[in-house]
């Protein structure tokens, strides 16, 4: 997927998580290249059964998840992978374990995004990185993230506050039922 060629190790510069390739790619270009690569790779099932199995599995995964992997190429400033970000959080996690002496890094999960703000070399650098992403695209991705997190949050609410959560679901159902009945009466 044409990852950028970094001259330094990932952990050498953990604060610059938005470094991208010089030539901007689109998701369509990457999709075409990947499909072309899959078509070129034709192993013989009798001679190379492991490669044949690998290709079948890769094709199945690509057709199932490929569209969800490529949106990062259409958002300016978003890197094609999260390797640098993962390295940065790994660094923060090791630091948290070292200073606290505990195995758990739950605090990092809850407050890690704020620690990232403190790693920026300057406020101007942080603002420049934030401004690279258009506001409309940011809001779209935030809505997409919220929709993805909704089932987990619902499960959490059901586990922590079962009576209140069930009552809220009953209230939603009752409200929806009244709306549907009023619409049925209009017709």
Protein backbone atom coordinates (compact mmCIF):
# COMPACT_ATOMS: atom_id res chain seq x y z
CA UNK A 1 0.00 0.00 0.00
CA UNK A 2 2.98 2.24 -0.66
CA UNK A 3 3.96 3.09 2.89
CA UNK A 4 6.28 6.09 3.15
CA UNK A 5 9.97 5.31 3.40
CA UNK A 6 11.04 6.67 6.75
CA UNK A 7 14.76 7.25 7.13
CA UNK A 8 14.61 6.99 10.93
CA UNK A 9 13.18 4.33 13.17
CA UNK A 10 9.57 4.83 14.21
CA UNK A 11 10.42 5.40 17.86
CA UNK A 12 12.98 8.11 17.03
CA UNK A 13 10.30 10.69 16.31
CA UNK A 14 7.14 9.65 18.10
CA UNK A 15 5.65 13.15 18.16
CA UNK A 16 5.26 13.52 14.37
CA UNK A 17 2.36 11.14 13.81
CA UNK A 18 0.97 12.83 10.70
CA UNK A 19 3.97 12.40 8.40
CA UNK A 20 2.70 11.25 5.00
CA UNK A 21 4.17 10.26 1.65
CA UNK A 22 5.29 12.98 -0.75
CA UNK A 23 2.91 11.88 -3.52
CA UNK A 24 -0.71 11.95 -2.35
CA UNK A 25 -2.53 8.74 -3.17
CA UNK A 26 -6.25 8.17 -3.38
CA UNK A 27 -8.13 5.16 -2.13
CA UNK A 28 -9.07 4.36 -5.73
CA UNK A 29 -5.39 4.15 -6.78
CA UNK A 30 -4.51 1.89 -3.86
CA UNK A 31 -7.55 -0.31 -4.50
CA UNK A 32 -6.58 -0.72 -8.18
CA UNK A 33 -2.96 -1.55 -7.28
CA UNK A 34 -4.04 -4.09 -4.69
CA UNK A 35 -6.48 -5.79 -7.03
CA UNK A 36 -3.82 -5.86 -9.77
CA UNK A 37 -1.37 -7.42 -7.33
CA UNK A 38 -3.90 -10.06 -6.35
CA UNK A 39 -4.55 -10.87 -10.02
CA UNK A 40 -0.81 -11.18 -10.79
CA UNK A 41 -0.16 -13.53 -7.89
CA UNK A 42 -1.24 -16.93 -9.23
CA UNK A 43 0.36 -19.77 -7.26
CA UNK A 44 -0.07 -23.38 -8.36
CA UNK A 45 -2.27 -25.20 -5.81
CA UNK A 46 -0.39 -28.47 -6.31
CA UNK A 47 3.15 -27.07 -6.22
CA UNK A 48 2.62 -24.32 -3.61
CA UNK A 49 -0.44 -25.16 -1.47
CA UNK A 50 0.55 -22.73 1.30
CA UNK A 51 0.80 -19.80 -1.13
CA UNK A 52 -2.48 -20.81 -2.76
CA UNK A 53 -4.21 -20.91 0.63
CA UNK A 54 -2.65 -17.57 1.54
CA UNK A 55 -3.92 -15.98 -1.67
CA UNK A 56 -7.46 -17.28 -1.14
CA UNK A 57 -7.49 -15.99 2.43
CA UNK A 58 -6.07 -12.62 1.35
CA UNK A 59 -8.67 -12.28 -1.42
CA UNK A 60 -11.49 -13.09 0.98
CA UNK A 61 -10.21 -10.57 3.55
CA UNK A 62 -9.64 -7.94 0.89
CA UNK A 63 -13.19 -8.25 -0.49
CA UNK A 64 -14.64 -8.26 3.01
CA UNK A 65 -12.62 -5.44 4.64
CA UNK A 66 -10.73 -3.68 1.82
CA UNK A 67 -13.14 -0.75 1.50
CA UNK A 68 -12.83 0.04 5.22
CA UNK A 69 -9.04 0.10 5.08
CA UNK A 70 -8.60 2.77 2.44
CA UNK A 71 -10.46 5.83 3.75
CA UNK A 72 -7.21 7.15 5.22
CA UNK A 73 -5.92 7.87 1.71
CA UNK A 74 -8.76 10.31 1.03
CA UNK A 75 -8.27 12.45 4.15
CA UNK A 76 -5.45 14.98 3.79
CA UNK A 77 -2.88 14.76 6.57
CA UNK A 78 -3.96 11.31 7.75
CA UNK A 79 -1.15 8.75 7.49
CA UNK A 80 -1.82 5.43 5.69
CA UNK A 81 -1.17 3.50 8.88
CA UNK A 82 -1.05 4.09 12.61
CA UNK A 83 2.41 2.63 13.24
CA UNK A 84 3.88 5.88 14.54
CA UNK A 85 0.88 6.49 16.76
CA UNK A 86 1.07 2.93 18.12
CA UNK A 87 4.78 3.41 18.80
CA UNK A 88 4.03 6.63 20.64
CA UNK A 89 1.36 5.01 22.82
CA UNK A 90 3.66 2.04 23.45
CA UNK A 91 6.31 4.51 24.62
CA UNK A 92 3.77 6.22 26.88
CA UNK A 93 2.59 2.84 28.21
CA UNK A 94 6.15 1.76 29.08
CA UNK A 95 6.76 5.10 30.77
CA UNK A 96 3.50 4.79 32.74
CA UNK A 97 4.45 1.29 33.91
CA UNK A 98 7.93 2.44 34.88
CA UNK A 99 6.84 5.43 36.94
CA UNK A 100 3.83 3.75 38.59
CA UNK A 101 5.23 0.22 39.03
CA UNK A 102 1.87 -1.24 38.01
CA UNK A 103 1.02 -3.53 35.13
CA UNK A 104 -2.24 -1.79 34.29
CA UNK A 105 -2.21 1.20 31.99
CA UNK A 106 -5.93 2.00 32.24
CA UNK A 107 -5.11 5.62 33.03
CA UNK A 108 -3.31 5.87 29.71
CA UNK A 109 -6.39 4.56 27.92
CA UNK A 110 -8.53 7.16 29.65
CA UNK A 111 -6.13 10.14 29.50
CA UNK A 112 -3.68 9.18 26.74
CA UNK A 113 -4.98 11.71 24.26
CA UNK A 114 -4.10 14.51 26.70
CA UNK A 115 -0.59 13.15 27.14
CA UNK A 116 -0.19 13.30 23.38
CA UNK A 117 -0.89 17.03 23.55
CA UNK A 118 1.99 17.44 25.97
CA UNK A 119 4.39 15.67 23.57
CA UNK A 120 4.06 18.31 20.84
CA UNK A 121 7.21 20.38 20.51
CA UNK A 122 5.23 23.59 20.22
CA UNK A 123 1.66 24.77 20.16
CA UNK A 124 2.11 25.95 16.57
CA UNK A 125 3.20 22.46 15.50
CA UNK A 126 0.17 20.93 17.22
CA UNK A 127 -2.20 23.46 15.64
CA UNK A 128 -0.66 22.90 12.19
CA UNK A 129 -1.23 19.16 12.52
CA UNK A 130 -4.82 19.67 13.62
CA UNK A 131 -5.56 22.16 10.83
CA UNK A 132 -4.43 19.76 8.10
CA UNK A 133 -7.69 17.85 8.40
CA UNK A 134 -10.77 19.69 7.02
CA UNK A 135 -13.48 20.38 9.61
CA UNK A 136 -16.22 18.65 7.60
CA UNK A 137 -14.11 15.52 7.23
CA UNK A 138 -13.23 15.61 10.93
CA UNK A 139 -16.92 15.81 11.86
CA UNK A 140 -17.76 12.96 9.49
CA UNK A 141 -15.09 10.75 11.03
CA UNK A 142 -16.21 11.69 14.57
CA UNK A 143 -19.79 10.64 13.71
CA UNK A 144 -18.48 7.40 12.22
CA UNK A 145 -16.46 6.73 15.37
CA UNK A 146 -19.46 7.51 17.59
CA UNK A 147 -21.62 5.07 15.62
CA UNK A 148 -18.96 2.40 15.99
CA UNK A 149 -18.64 3.02 19.74
CA UNK A 150 -22.41 3.06 20.39
CA UNK A 151 -22.81 -0.73 20.91
CA UNK A 152 -19.89 -0.84 23.36
CA UNK A 153 -21.24 2.14 25.26
CA UNK A 154 -24.71 0.59 25.39
CA UNK A 155 -23.25 -2.63 26.79
CA UNK A 156 -21.28 -0.62 29.36
CA UNK A 157 -24.42 1.29 30.42
CA UNK A 158 -26.38 -1.95 30.64
CA UNK A 159 -23.69 -3.49 32.83
CA UNK A 160 -23.26 -0.45 35.12
CA UNK A 161 -26.83 0.85 35.34
CA UNK A 162 -29.21 -1.90 34.16
CA UNK A 163 -32.48 -0.47 35.51
CA UNK A 164 -31.87 3.03 34.12
CA UNK A 165 -30.69 1.65 30.75
CA UNK A 166 -33.68 -0.67 30.34
CA UNK A 167 -36.04 2.16 31.31
CA UNK A 168 -34.40 4.39 28.68
CA UNK A 169 -34.89 1.65 26.06
CA UNK A 170 -38.55 1.26 27.06
CA UNK A 171 -39.00 5.04 26.82
CA UNK A 172 -37.41 5.10 23.36
CA UNK A 173 -39.66 2.27 22.24
CA UNK A 174 -42.77 4.01 23.58
CA UNK A 175 -41.79 7.27 21.88
CA UNK A 176 -41.15 5.50 18.57
CA UNK A 177 -44.47 3.68 18.88
CA UNK A 178 -46.37 6.95 19.38
CA UNK A 179 -44.63 8.52 16.39
CA UNK A 180 -45.49 5.54 14.20
CA UNK A 181 -49.12 5.57 15.39
CA UNK A 182 -49.43 9.29 14.64
CA UNK A 183 -47.98 8.74 11.16
CA UNK A 184 -50.39 5.84 10.58
CA UNK A 185 -53.33 8.06 11.53
CA UNK A 186 -52.23 10.74 9.05
CA UNK A 187 -52.42 8.27 6.18
